């Protein structure tokens, strides 16, 4: 995500189209020379930056749609501020001054920050916050899927600065949901494509699929440290990752997101630019998902055998080009609440054979449904075939066109074995997105709901950091032992900056929210979009996480 603190030091960028929202403390490339160098701690005002991100004809200036296209989200975080943002998996409040639960986490109270104005001069009030949250849910925005248990009928603006948000179920992690890209716009806005924002920039000119020009606000509420610094920021829509890298190398752009893992190798010795990776808590999880409700994975021994058959270190070397790390069958590594005490799943094909024999599954044949929609999924499926063979499992691939892979939800939930890429999100929110009977995307099925549901419900009710950590750990222990994810590797996303562009600090999540937020509830339409570019360039194919 893009952080406003970063904007004030220059301009927010997004490594991998929001892989790293960050600040360009000194900006150059595609414009005037930067006002500072890497060694300089104090940037000067002025200059223009051209930054390239993935986009296309589906772009929109509607903030409720911003999470569906990478460049839209970059622009939105510059024009509209949010209630809060996530930094290191923790909530950092922006337009909210504070967010507090009641004793049983069934009601949350938001205290709205004082002294904030929209770009048209209107003062921010509690009514604006309530209207925005209601709109995000009713318009079925991706991030609205995180707060569908908000009791909108009884939610109210108690006074000019206080919003009371009752829930239909206890949620001790509702603060993390509220910190996840909840854009705020004025109460009563009719045309959302023209909604004014309270962010550091305003949109001067824009053309879908081409570019947009943003100019700074002199009256930005969080400008005490002298920013925003740029005279002008141009966000350029470039669909192809190779073209973004080429433009960065030629000096056409000062910053580019979504460059792909190959850029790490090919540009390692290029002093004219810097290739940057986000922190490990923002990496993408690659997994083989086994639906525990479908044969042969109804037998836990078969599930365990597949996990033991995978040579994770080899997959890291080949699939992630040595840039990733081995996974341990659990989402959210390096995030707050992740249990580092759980033993790493070993590579043991002989033990896998033994388990298969005990399960009466000697000579087992399986099909892996896969696609090149996400970088590493098809590659890992192909690499897994000989590994599974060594354990006595004959695997074949069903390669699905990228544009079709996520288009049929019934097929997704009815497939015994398939590849998936889980994009980063606060760990408790990932757990309830993918696991349990109420999960919107239960790729591993709901066969074990009787065991998993009470653990997840206890996690949802937890308040206080100690209790939250304990309950999340309970769920992780269960999933590691009984879950259907053979999560074998974690892969970074990649961005690049010209040598004259400094201070990009990864913040937020390694993708824009359409891959990170909870899915729409049943009945919400999936949105088909072109496949994302190879090499981890973001482009959403549906309105929920994958």
Protein backbone atom coordinates (compact mmCIF):
# COMPACT_ATOMS: atom_id res chain seq x y z
CA UNK A 1 0.00 0.00 0.00
CA UNK A 2 0.97 3.56 -0.42
CA UNK A 3 1.74 5.51 2.69
CA UNK A 4 1.09 9.19 3.14
CA UNK A 5 4.25 9.72 5.17
CA UNK A 6 6.05 8.56 2.09
CA UNK A 7 4.21 10.96 -0.15
CA UNK A 8 5.36 13.89 1.89
CA UNK A 9 8.96 12.99 1.21
CA UNK A 10 8.38 13.03 -2.51
CA UNK A 11 5.79 10.80 -4.09
CA UNK A 12 4.39 7.43 -3.35
CA UNK A 13 5.27 4.71 -5.75
CA UNK A 14 4.29 1.10 -5.76
CA UNK A 15 6.81 -1.60 -6.28
CA UNK A 16 4.94 -4.16 -8.33
CA UNK A 17 1.95 -1.91 -8.60
CA UNK A 18 1.53 -1.65 -4.88
CA UNK A 19 4.04 -4.24 -3.95
CA UNK A 20 5.75 -1.45 -2.14
CA UNK A 21 3.96 1.73 -1.54
CA UNK A 22 6.66 4.10 -0.66
CA UNK A 23 8.09 7.48 -0.88
CA UNK A 24 10.50 8.82 -3.39
CA UNK A 25 12.42 11.10 -1.14
CA UNK A 26 14.33 12.52 -4.05
CA UNK A 27 12.78 12.09 -7.42
CA UNK A 28 14.17 12.08 -10.90
CA UNK A 29 13.64 10.38 -14.23
CA UNK A 30 11.35 11.56 -16.97
CA UNK A 31 11.62 15.12 -15.77
CA UNK A 32 13.84 17.57 -13.99
CA UNK A 33 16.93 16.50 -12.09
CA UNK A 34 16.21 15.39 -8.53
CA UNK A 35 16.64 17.78 -5.70
CA UNK A 36 18.64 15.39 -3.54
CA UNK A 37 20.94 12.41 -3.70
CA UNK A 38 20.82 9.08 -1.89
CA UNK A 39 23.20 10.52 0.67
CA UNK A 40 21.04 13.56 1.26
CA UNK A 41 18.59 13.34 4.14
CA UNK A 42 16.62 16.45 3.18
CA UNK A 43 14.96 16.60 -0.23
CA UNK A 44 14.13 19.94 -1.81
CA UNK A 45 10.85 20.88 -3.43
CA UNK A 46 10.31 20.80 -7.16
CA UNK A 47 10.69 18.47 -10.09
CA UNK A 48 8.56 15.99 -11.93
CA UNK A 49 8.45 12.22 -11.77
CA UNK A 50 7.13 9.80 -14.37
CA UNK A 51 6.34 6.40 -12.90
CA UNK A 52 5.07 3.34 -14.78
CA UNK A 53 2.58 0.78 -13.50
CA UNK A 54 0.35 -1.85 -15.01
CA UNK A 55 -2.97 -0.55 -16.28
CA UNK A 56 -5.28 -0.84 -19.26
CA UNK A 57 -8.63 0.06 -20.73
CA UNK A 58 -10.47 -1.00 -17.55
CA UNK A 59 -8.97 1.89 -15.56
CA UNK A 60 -11.32 4.13 -13.61
CA UNK A 61 -11.20 7.16 -11.33
CA UNK A 62 -13.91 5.67 -9.11
CA UNK A 63 -12.25 4.96 -5.73
CA UNK A 64 -14.53 1.97 -5.15
CA UNK A 65 -12.99 0.35 -8.24
CA UNK A 66 -9.41 1.39 -7.58
CA UNK A 67 -8.38 -1.96 -6.13
CA UNK A 68 -9.03 -3.73 -9.43
CA UNK A 69 -6.22 -2.17 -11.48
CA UNK A 70 -2.69 -1.48 -10.28
CA UNK A 71 -2.26 2.05 -11.55
CA UNK A 72 -5.74 3.01 -10.34
CA UNK A 73 -4.77 2.05 -6.82
CA UNK A 74 -1.57 4.07 -6.95
CA UNK A 75 -3.54 7.10 -8.11
CA UNK A 76 -6.29 6.57 -5.57
CA UNK A 77 -3.90 6.51 -2.62
CA UNK A 78 -2.56 9.88 -3.76
CA UNK A 79 -5.96 11.54 -4.24
CA UNK A 80 -8.05 9.94 -1.46
CA UNK A 81 -6.71 9.36 1.98
CA UNK A 82 -7.77 6.31 3.97
CA UNK A 83 -8.93 5.59 7.50
CA UNK A 84 -5.61 3.87 8.05
CA UNK A 85 -2.92 1.78 6.45
CA UNK A 86 -1.07 -1.40 7.26
CA UNK A 87 2.60 -1.22 8.12
CA UNK A 88 4.34 -4.43 9.07
CA UNK A 89 0.96 -6.08 9.52
CA UNK A 90 -0.15 -3.49 12.07
CA UNK A 91 -2.74 -0.73 11.71
CA UNK A 92 -1.43 2.83 11.41
CA UNK A 93 -4.24 5.39 11.53
CA UNK A 94 -4.60 8.19 9.01
CA UNK A 95 -8.03 9.85 8.86
CA UNK A 96 -8.96 7.88 11.94
CA UNK A 97 -7.35 9.23 15.07
CA UNK A 98 -8.18 6.09 17.02
CA UNK A 99 -10.11 2.85 16.56
CA UNK A 100 -11.21 0.92 19.65
CA UNK A 101 -13.40 -2.16 20.30
CA UNK A 102 -15.85 -2.79 23.13
CA UNK A 103 -15.18 -5.65 25.54
CA UNK A 104 -16.43 -8.45 23.28
CA UNK A 105 -15.38 -6.91 19.93
CA UNK A 106 -18.98 -6.61 18.71
CA UNK A 107 -18.79 -2.83 18.35
CA UNK A 108 -15.93 -0.59 17.27
CA UNK A 109 -15.66 3.15 17.76
CA UNK A 110 -13.74 5.31 15.29
CA UNK A 111 -12.58 8.75 16.37
CA UNK A 112 -12.13 10.92 13.26
CA UNK A 113 -9.06 13.11 12.94
CA UNK A 114 -9.64 16.82 13.40
CA UNK A 115 -8.47 19.51 10.98
CA UNK A 116 -8.63 17.45 7.78
CA UNK A 117 -10.05 19.07 4.66
CA UNK A 118 -11.02 17.71 1.28
CA UNK A 119 -9.54 19.37 -1.78
CA UNK A 120 -12.71 21.48 -2.19
CA UNK A 121 -12.32 22.92 1.31
CA UNK A 122 -14.92 20.82 3.11
CA UNK A 123 -14.04 19.59 6.59
CA UNK A 124 -13.84 15.83 7.18
CA UNK A 125 -16.59 14.57 9.51
CA UNK A 126 -17.86 11.30 10.92
CA UNK A 127 -20.67 11.34 8.34
CA UNK A 128 -18.09 11.21 5.54
CA UNK A 129 -16.47 8.15 7.10
CA UNK A 130 -19.78 6.33 7.57
CA UNK A 131 -20.93 7.20 4.05
CA UNK A 132 -17.66 5.94 2.59
CA UNK A 133 -17.74 2.63 4.44
CA UNK A 134 -21.36 2.10 3.45
CA UNK A 135 -20.53 2.88 -0.17
CA UNK A 136 -17.54 0.51 -0.25
CA UNK A 137 -19.80 -2.31 0.96
CA UNK A 138 -22.84 -1.49 -1.17
CA UNK A 139 -20.77 -0.95 -4.32
CA UNK A 140 -19.16 -4.33 -3.66
CA UNK A 141 -15.65 -2.99 -3.75
CA UNK A 142 -12.91 -5.55 -3.08
CA UNK A 143 -11.98 -4.01 0.26
CA UNK A 144 -15.65 -3.79 1.15
CA UNK A 145 -15.54 -7.58 1.37
CA UNK A 146 -13.53 -7.20 4.56
CA UNK A 147 -16.34 -5.41 6.38
CA UNK A 148 -19.49 -7.20 5.19
CA UNK A 149 -20.23 -8.07 8.83
CA UNK A 150 -20.58 -4.36 9.60
CA UNK A 151 -24.15 -3.76 10.77
CA UNK A 152 -24.87 -0.84 8.45
CA UNK A 153 -28.46 -0.53 9.62
CA UNK A 154 -27.34 0.36 13.13
CA UNK A 155 -24.03 2.06 12.40
CA UNK A 156 -24.16 5.77 13.15
CA UNK A 157 -22.25 9.01 13.35
CA UNK A 158 -22.58 9.71 17.06
CA UNK A 159 -21.21 13.23 16.68
CA UNK A 160 -19.06 15.18 14.23
CA UNK A 161 -15.96 13.16 15.07
CA UNK A 162 -17.25 9.81 16.34
CA UNK A 163 -18.49 6.81 14.35
CA UNK A 164 -20.00 3.76 16.05
CA UNK A 165 -19.69 0.55 14.05
CA UNK A 166 -21.67 -2.42 15.44
CA UNK A 167 -20.92 -5.82 13.92
CA UNK A 168 -23.09 -8.84 13.23
CA UNK A 169 -20.41 -11.09 14.76
CA UNK A 170 -17.46 -10.57 17.11
CA UNK A 171 -14.28 -9.52 15.34
CA UNK A 172 -11.17 -8.78 17.35
CA UNK A 173 -9.29 -8.00 14.14
CA UNK A 174 -11.72 -5.46 12.70
CA UNK A 175 -9.08 -2.78 13.14
CA UNK A 176 -6.94 -4.55 10.52
CA UNK A 177 -9.90 -4.55 8.14
CA UNK A 178 -10.53 -0.84 8.66
CA UNK A 179 -6.87 -0.13 7.97
CA UNK A 180 -7.08 -1.89 4.62
CA UNK A 181 -7.61 0.68 1.85
CA UNK A 182 -10.83 2.20 3.16
CA UNK A 183 -10.92 5.33 1.00
CA UNK A 184 -12.90 8.26 2.38
CA UNK A 185 -14.88 10.70 0.26
CA UNK A 186 -17.53 13.31 1.11
CA UNK A 187 -20.95 12.32 2.40
CA UNK A 188 -23.56 12.33 -0.35
CA UNK A 189 -21.16 12.06 -3.30
CA UNK A 190 -23.23 11.09 -6.35
CA UNK A 191 -20.61 10.71 -9.08
CA UNK A 192 -17.78 8.73 -7.53
CA UNK A 193 -15.56 9.24 -10.57
CA UNK A 194 -15.44 12.91 -9.59
CA UNK A 195 -15.29 12.45 -5.83
CA UNK A 196 -12.94 14.88 -4.13
CA UNK A 197 -10.29 13.53 -1.81
CA UNK A 198 -8.28 14.54 1.22
CA UNK A 199 -4.98 13.19 -0.10
CA UNK A 200 -1.81 15.15 -0.96
CA UNK A 201 -2.49 15.39 -4.70
CA UNK A 202 -5.36 16.21 -7.02
CA UNK A 203 -5.90 14.78 -10.48
CA UNK A 204 -5.24 17.42 -13.13
CA UNK A 205 -5.54 15.28 -16.25
CA UNK A 206 -6.27 11.63 -16.94
CA UNK A 207 -6.87 9.27 -19.84
CA UNK A 208 -7.62 5.59 -19.28
CA UNK A 209 -4.90 3.31 -20.54
CA UNK A 210 -2.52 6.22 -21.10
CA UNK A 211 -1.51 8.36 -18.16
CA UNK A 212 -2.65 10.69 -15.42
CA UNK A 213 -1.08 13.87 -14.13
CA UNK A 214 -1.32 14.81 -10.48
CA UNK A 215 -0.43 18.10 -8.83
CA UNK A 216 0.20 18.76 -5.12
CA UNK A 217 -2.15 20.40 -2.65
CA UNK A 218 -0.77 23.36 -0.75
CA UNK A 219 -3.29 22.76 2.05
CA UNK A 220 -2.70 19.05 2.60
CA UNK A 221 -3.59 18.23 6.19
CA UNK A 222 -0.49 16.12 6.84
CA UNK A 223 2.03 18.49 5.28
CA UNK A 224 3.79 19.66 8.42
CA UNK A 225 7.10 18.22 7.27
CA UNK A 226 7.09 20.33 4.11
CA UNK A 227 5.60 17.96 1.56
CA UNK A 228 4.30 17.02 -0.86
CA UNK A 229 7.54 17.86 -2.65
CA UNK A 230 6.90 17.23 -6.33
CA UNK A 231 5.60 19.90 -8.68
CA UNK A 232 4.03 17.20 -10.79
CA UNK A 233 3.64 13.44 -10.86
CA UNK A 234 2.73 11.52 -13.99
CA UNK A 235 1.54 7.94 -13.63
CA UNK A 236 1.95 6.10 -16.93
CA UNK A 237 -0.06 3.00 -17.82
CA UNK A 238 2.19 0.29 -19.28
CA UNK A 239 0.73 -3.20 -19.52
CA UNK A 240 3.87 -5.13 -20.41
CA UNK A 241 6.52 -5.74 -17.73
CA UNK A 242 9.33 -5.75 -20.30
CA UNK A 243 8.20 -2.36 -21.57
CA UNK A 244 8.19 -0.95 -18.05
CA UNK A 245 11.74 -2.16 -17.53
CA UNK A 246 12.83 -0.84 -20.92
CA UNK A 247 11.34 2.56 -20.13
CA UNK A 248 13.12 2.62 -16.79
CA UNK A 249 16.45 1.75 -18.39
CA UNK A 250 16.07 4.34 -21.14
CA UNK A 251 15.26 7.14 -18.71
CA UNK A 252 11.64 7.43 -19.82
CA UNK A 253 10.53 6.57 -16.28
CA UNK A 254 12.07 7.29 -12.91
CA UNK A 255 10.27 4.42 -11.24
CA UNK A 256 8.49 1.27 -12.39
CA UNK A 257 6.54 -1.49 -10.68
CA UNK A 258 5.98 -5.09 -11.69
CA UNK A 259 9.30 -5.90 -13.33
CA UNK A 260 9.49 -9.64 -12.74
CA UNK A 261 12.11 -11.85 -11.14
CA UNK A 262 14.29 -12.03 -14.24
CA UNK A 263 15.08 -8.34 -13.79
CA UNK A 264 16.85 -9.19 -10.53
CA UNK A 265 19.41 -11.18 -12.48
CA UNK A 266 19.64 -9.22 -15.70
CA UNK A 267 19.99 -5.79 -14.08
CA UNK A 268 22.07 -6.73 -11.06
CA UNK A 269 25.16 -4.95 -12.41
CA UNK A 270 23.35 -1.97 -13.92
CA UNK A 271 24.48 1.11 -11.99
CA UNK A 272 21.90 3.26 -13.77
CA UNK A 273 19.05 1.75 -11.78
CA UNK A 274 18.21 -0.16 -8.63
CA UNK A 275 16.15 -3.32 -8.46
CA UNK A 276 14.22 -3.50 -5.21
CA UNK A 277 12.35 -6.24 -3.38
CA UNK A 278 9.77 -5.79 -0.61
CA UNK A 279 10.24 -7.15 2.92
CA UNK A 280 9.52 -10.84 3.31
CA UNK A 281 6.18 -10.28 5.02
CA UNK A 282 4.97 -8.85 1.70
CA UNK A 283 5.97 -11.82 -0.45
CA UNK A 284 3.53 -14.07 -2.33
CA UNK A 285 2.86 -17.65 -1.18
CA UNK A 286 2.94 -20.37 -3.86
CA UNK A 287 0.99 -23.51 -3.04
CA UNK A 288 -0.52 -26.73 -4.29
CA UNK A 289 -4.02 -26.73 -2.84
CA UNK A 290 -5.59 -30.09 -2.06
CA UNK A 291 -9.35 -30.08 -1.51
CA UNK A 292 -9.83 -32.15 1.64
CA UNK A 293 -13.43 -32.84 0.66
CA UNK A 294 -12.54 -34.51 -2.64
CA UNK A 295 -10.81 -37.84 -3.24
CA UNK A 296 -8.00 -38.78 -2.93
CA UNK A 297 -7.35 -35.97 -0.44
CA UNK A 298 -10.10 -37.01 1.95
CA UNK A 299 -7.40 -39.28 3.37
CA UNK A 300 -5.02 -37.21 5.47
CA UNK A 301 -2.17 -39.61 4.71
CA UNK A 302 -2.36 -38.76 1.02
CA UNK A 303 -2.28 -35.05 1.84
CA UNK A 304 0.78 -35.54 4.01
CA UNK A 305 2.46 -37.60 1.29
CA UNK A 306 2.15 -34.78 -1.24
CA UNK A 307 3.66 -32.32 1.22
CA UNK A 308 6.59 -34.64 1.92
CA UNK A 309 7.17 -35.28 -1.79
CA UNK A 310 7.97 -31.66 -2.60
CA UNK A 311 11.62 -30.61 -2.59
CA UNK A 312 11.06 -27.04 -1.49
CA UNK A 313 14.66 -25.89 -1.71
CA UNK A 314 14.83 -27.13 -5.29
CA UNK A 315 11.61 -25.30 -6.13
CA UNK A 316 13.05 -22.11 -4.66
CA UNK A 317 16.15 -22.44 -6.84
CA UNK A 318 14.26 -23.17 -10.05
CA UNK A 319 10.86 -21.50 -9.82
CA UNK A 320 11.86 -18.36 -7.91
CA UNK A 321 15.30 -18.15 -9.57
CA UNK A 322 16.84 -18.38 -6.14
CA UNK A 323 15.16 -15.16 -5.00
CA UNK A 324 12.44 -16.73 -2.85
CA UNK A 325 12.36 -18.92 0.23
CA UNK A 326 10.89 -22.28 1.19
CA UNK A 327 7.35 -22.32 2.52
CA UNK A 328 6.04 -24.34 5.45
CA UNK A 329 2.44 -25.05 4.41
CA UNK A 330 1.19 -21.93 6.21
CA UNK A 331 0.22 -18.53 4.85
CA UNK A 332 1.62 -15.26 6.17
CA UNK A 333 5.24 -16.02 7.06
CA UNK A 334 7.13 -13.11 8.67
CA UNK A 335 3.89 -11.37 9.58
CA UNK A 336 2.73 -10.54 13.12
CA UNK A 337 1.19 -13.60 14.81
CA UNK A 338 3.03 -16.08 12.55
CA UNK A 339 4.13 -19.06 14.62
CA UNK A 340 7.84 -19.59 13.94
CA UNK A 341 7.98 -22.53 16.35
CA UNK A 342 6.20 -24.95 14.01
CA UNK A 343 8.63 -27.48 12.52
CA UNK A 344 9.47 -27.15 8.83
CA UNK A 345 7.87 -29.79 6.62
CA UNK A 346 10.68 -32.05 5.40
CA UNK A 347 11.40 -33.45 1.95
CA UNK A 348 10.98 -37.19 2.48
CA UNK A 349 9.77 -39.12 -0.58
CA UNK A 350 10.33 -42.48 1.13
CA UNK A 351 8.03 -41.54 4.00
CA UNK A 352 5.55 -40.28 1.41
CA UNK A 353 5.58 -43.72 -0.26
CA UNK A 354 4.96 -45.37 3.09
CA UNK A 355 1.98 -43.15 3.83
CA UNK A 356 0.49 -43.81 0.40
CA UNK A 357 0.85 -47.56 0.93
CA UNK A 358 -0.87 -47.30 4.32
CA UNK A 359 -3.70 -45.39 2.64
CA UNK A 360 -4.06 -48.03 -0.06
CA UNK A 361 -3.02 -45.45 -2.65
CA UNK A 362 -0.07 -47.19 -4.29
CA UNK A 363 0.21 -46.05 -7.91
CA UNK A 364 -1.89 -42.95 -7.23
CA UNK A 365 -2.53 -40.75 -10.28
CA UNK A 366 -3.49 -37.09 -9.93
CA UNK A 367 -4.05 -34.10 -12.19
CA UNK A 368 -2.75 -30.65 -11.27
CA UNK A 369 -4.90 -27.82 -12.59
CA UNK A 370 -2.65 -24.85 -13.27
CA UNK A 371 -2.13 -21.70 -15.32
CA UNK A 372 0.48 -19.03 -15.98
CA UNK A 373 -1.84 -16.39 -14.53
CA UNK A 374 0.54 -15.84 -11.63
CA UNK A 375 4.28 -16.06 -11.97
CA UNK A 376 5.56 -19.37 -10.63
CA UNK A 377 2.34 -21.38 -10.59
CA UNK A 378 2.66 -23.22 -13.89
CA UNK A 379 6.42 -23.49 -13.45
CA UNK A 380 6.05 -25.04 -10.02
CA UNK A 381 3.40 -27.48 -11.21
CA UNK A 382 5.75 -28.72 -13.93
CA UNK A 383 8.65 -28.98 -11.49
CA UNK A 384 6.49 -30.90 -9.00
CA UNK A 385 5.67 -33.71 -11.45
CA UNK A 386 9.03 -35.54 -11.18
CA UNK A 387 9.14 -34.91 -7.43
CA UNK A 388 5.75 -36.54 -6.98
CA UNK A 389 6.86 -39.41 -9.21
CA UNK A 390 9.74 -40.19 -6.83
CA UNK A 391 7.14 -40.60 -4.10
CA UNK A 392 5.04 -42.93 -6.24
CA UNK A 393 2.48 -40.40 -7.47
CA UNK A 394 1.89 -40.08 -11.20
CA UNK A 395 0.94 -36.46 -11.89
CA UNK A 396 -0.23 -34.80 -15.08
CA UNK A 397 -0.96 -31.14 -15.79
CA UNK A 398 -4.20 -29.50 -16.87
CA UNK A 399 -2.99 -26.15 -18.21
CA UNK A 400 -5.84 -23.65 -18.25
CA UNK A 401 -5.64 -20.35 -20.18
CA UNK A 402 -4.81 -17.50 -17.84
CA UNK A 403 -7.98 -15.57 -18.70
CA UNK A 404 -10.12 -18.57 -17.72
CA UNK A 405 -8.35 -19.84 -14.63
CA UNK A 406 -10.42 -17.90 -12.09
CA UNK A 407 -13.52 -17.31 -14.20
CA UNK A 408 -15.55 -20.29 -12.95
CA UNK A 409 -15.82 -20.38 -9.18
CA UNK A 410 -17.65 -23.71 -9.23
CA UNK A 411 -14.70 -25.29 -11.02
CA UNK A 412 -12.24 -23.72 -8.60
CA UNK A 413 -14.00 -25.20 -5.57
CA UNK A 414 -14.60 -28.52 -7.32
CA UNK A 415 -10.98 -29.24 -8.25
CA UNK A 416 -9.07 -31.76 -6.11
CA UNK A 417 -5.56 -30.42 -6.83
CA UNK A 418 -4.52 -27.06 -8.27
CA UNK A 419 -1.94 -24.32 -8.00
CA UNK A 420 -2.62 -21.01 -6.29
CA UNK A 421 -0.79 -17.86 -5.30
CA UNK A 422 -1.84 -16.31 -2.00
CA UNK A 423 -1.04 -12.62 -2.00
CA UNK A 424 -0.10 -11.03 1.32
CA UNK A 425 -2.64 -9.79 3.77
CA UNK A 426 -2.76 -9.60 7.57
CA UNK A 427 -2.49 -13.19 8.73
CA UNK A 428 -5.78 -13.38 10.68
CA UNK A 429 -7.65 -12.04 7.66
CA UNK A 430 -5.96 -14.55 5.35
CA UNK A 431 -6.96 -17.40 7.63
CA UNK A 432 -10.64 -16.55 7.59
CA UNK A 433 -10.55 -15.85 3.85
CA UNK A 434 -9.27 -19.30 2.92
CA UNK A 435 -10.21 -21.68 5.74
CA UNK A 436 -13.36 -22.76 7.56
CA UNK A 437 -17.00 -23.13 6.57
CA UNK A 438 -17.60 -19.37 6.21
CA UNK A 439 -14.47 -18.67 4.14
CA UNK A 440 -15.26 -17.01 0.81
CA UNK A 441 -12.41 -18.85 -0.94
CA UNK A 442 -12.02 -22.28 0.71
CA UNK A 443 -9.71 -23.76 -1.92
CA UNK A 444 -8.81 -26.65 0.39
CA UNK A 445 -12.48 -27.39 1.05
CA UNK A 446 -14.56 -27.37 4.20
CA UNK A 447 -14.40 -31.06 5.14
CA UNK A 448 -12.67 -30.23 8.41
CA UNK A 449 -15.00 -27.36 9.34
CA UNK A 450 -16.14 -29.09 12.52
CA UNK A 451 -12.56 -28.93 13.80
CA UNK A 452 -11.39 -25.70 12.19
CA UNK A 453 -14.47 -23.52 12.77
CA UNK A 454 -14.25 -23.39 16.60
CA UNK A 455 -10.57 -22.44 16.38
CA UNK A 456 -11.26 -19.71 13.83
CA UNK A 457 -14.24 -18.43 15.83
CA UNK A 458 -12.07 -18.20 18.94
CA UNK A 459 -9.48 -16.31 16.90
CA UNK A 460 -12.12 -13.86 15.68
CA UNK A 461 -13.29 -13.19 19.24
CA UNK A 462 -9.80 -12.55 20.59
CA UNK A 463 -8.95 -9.08 21.86
CA UNK A 464 -5.63 -7.88 23.19
CA UNK A 465 -2.32 -8.77 21.59
CA UNK A 466 -1.52 -11.73 23.84
CA UNK A 467 -4.90 -13.36 23.27
CA UNK A 468 -4.83 -12.62 19.55
CA UNK A 469 -1.40 -14.21 19.13
CA UNK A 470 -2.42 -17.33 21.08
CA UNK A 471 -5.59 -17.92 19.11
CA UNK A 472 -3.92 -17.36 15.72
CA UNK A 473 -1.24 -19.84 16.77
CA UNK A 474 -3.92 -22.43 17.58
CA UNK A 475 -5.30 -22.16 14.05
CA UNK A 476 -1.85 -22.36 12.47
CA UNK A 477 -0.97 -25.51 14.39
CA UNK A 478 -4.15 -27.14 13.19
CA UNK A 479 -3.65 -26.10 9.56
CA UNK A 480 -0.04 -27.26 9.50
CA UNK A 481 -1.06 -30.69 10.74
CA UNK A 482 -4.37 -31.14 8.93
CA UNK A 483 -4.72 -28.43 6.26
CA UNK A 484 -4.75 -29.04 2.53
CA UNK A 485 -2.16 -26.48 1.46
CA UNK A 486 1.25 -27.73 0.38
CA UNK A 487 2.65 -24.22 0.51
CA UNK A 488 6.13 -24.85 -0.80
CA UNK A 489 7.66 -21.46 -1.65
CA UNK A 490 7.39 -17.73 -1.18
CA UNK A 491 8.31 -15.30 -3.93
CA UNK A 492 9.06 -11.57 -3.87
CA UNK A 493 7.65 -9.02 -6.24
CA UNK A 494 10.05 -6.66 -8.01
CA UNK A 495 10.23 -2.93 -8.66
CA UNK A 496 12.89 -0.66 -10.04
CA UNK A 497 14.05 2.92 -9.61
CA UNK A 498 16.39 5.08 -11.63
CA UNK A 499 19.68 5.93 -9.95
CA UNK A 500 18.40 9.47 -9.37
CA UNK A 501 15.24 8.29 -7.63
CA UNK A 502 15.73 7.61 -3.95
CA UNK A 503 13.89 6.77 -0.79
CA UNK A 504 11.40 4.18 -1.99
CA UNK A 505 10.45 2.31 1.16
CA UNK A 506 8.27 -0.78 0.83
CA UNK A 507 5.13 -0.35 2.91
CA UNK A 508 1.81 -2.16 2.85
CA UNK A 509 1.29 -5.25 0.76
CA UNK A 510 2.92 -6.80 -2.23
CA UNK A 511 -0.07 -6.25 -4.42
CA UNK A 512 -2.98 -3.94 -4.60
CA UNK A 513 -6.02 -5.04 -2.58
CA UNK A 514 -7.90 -7.01 -5.22
CA UNK A 515 -5.49 -9.78 -4.38
CA UNK A 516 -5.33 -9.12 -0.69
CA UNK A 517 -8.77 -8.39 0.62
CA UNK A 518 -11.58 -10.70 1.48
CA UNK A 519 -13.71 -11.84 -1.37
CA UNK A 520 -17.21 -10.55 -1.98
CA UNK A 521 -19.88 -12.50 -0.14
CA UNK A 522 -21.98 -15.08 -2.03
CA UNK A 523 -23.80 -13.54 -4.97
CA UNK A 524 -21.23 -10.87 -5.70
CA UNK A 525 -20.12 -11.00 -9.29
CA UNK A 526 -16.63 -12.02 -10.32
CA UNK A 527 -14.87 -9.56 -12.59
CA UNK A 528 -12.99 -11.01 -15.53
CA UNK A 529 -9.94 -9.09 -16.62
CA UNK A 530 -6.98 -9.76 -18.89
CA UNK A 531 -4.31 -12.05 -17.44
CA UNK A 532 -1.65 -10.37 -15.43
CA UNK A 533 1.73 -9.98 -17.06
CA UNK A 534 4.33 -12.66 -16.52
CA UNK A 535 6.80 -12.05 -13.77
CA UNK A 536 4.36 -10.97 -11.07
CA UNK A 537 2.95 -7.86 -12.72
CA UNK A 538 -0.39 -7.16 -11.06
CA UNK A 539 -3.62 -7.41 -12.99
CA UNK A 540 -6.66 -8.76 -11.28
CA UNK A 541 -8.85 -11.47 -12.74
CA UNK A 542 -11.40 -11.42 -9.98
CA UNK A 543 -12.43 -9.24 -7.11
CA UNK A 544 -11.02 -11.35 -4.33
CA UNK A 545 -7.70 -12.78 -3.23
CA UNK A 546 -6.27 -15.82 -4.90
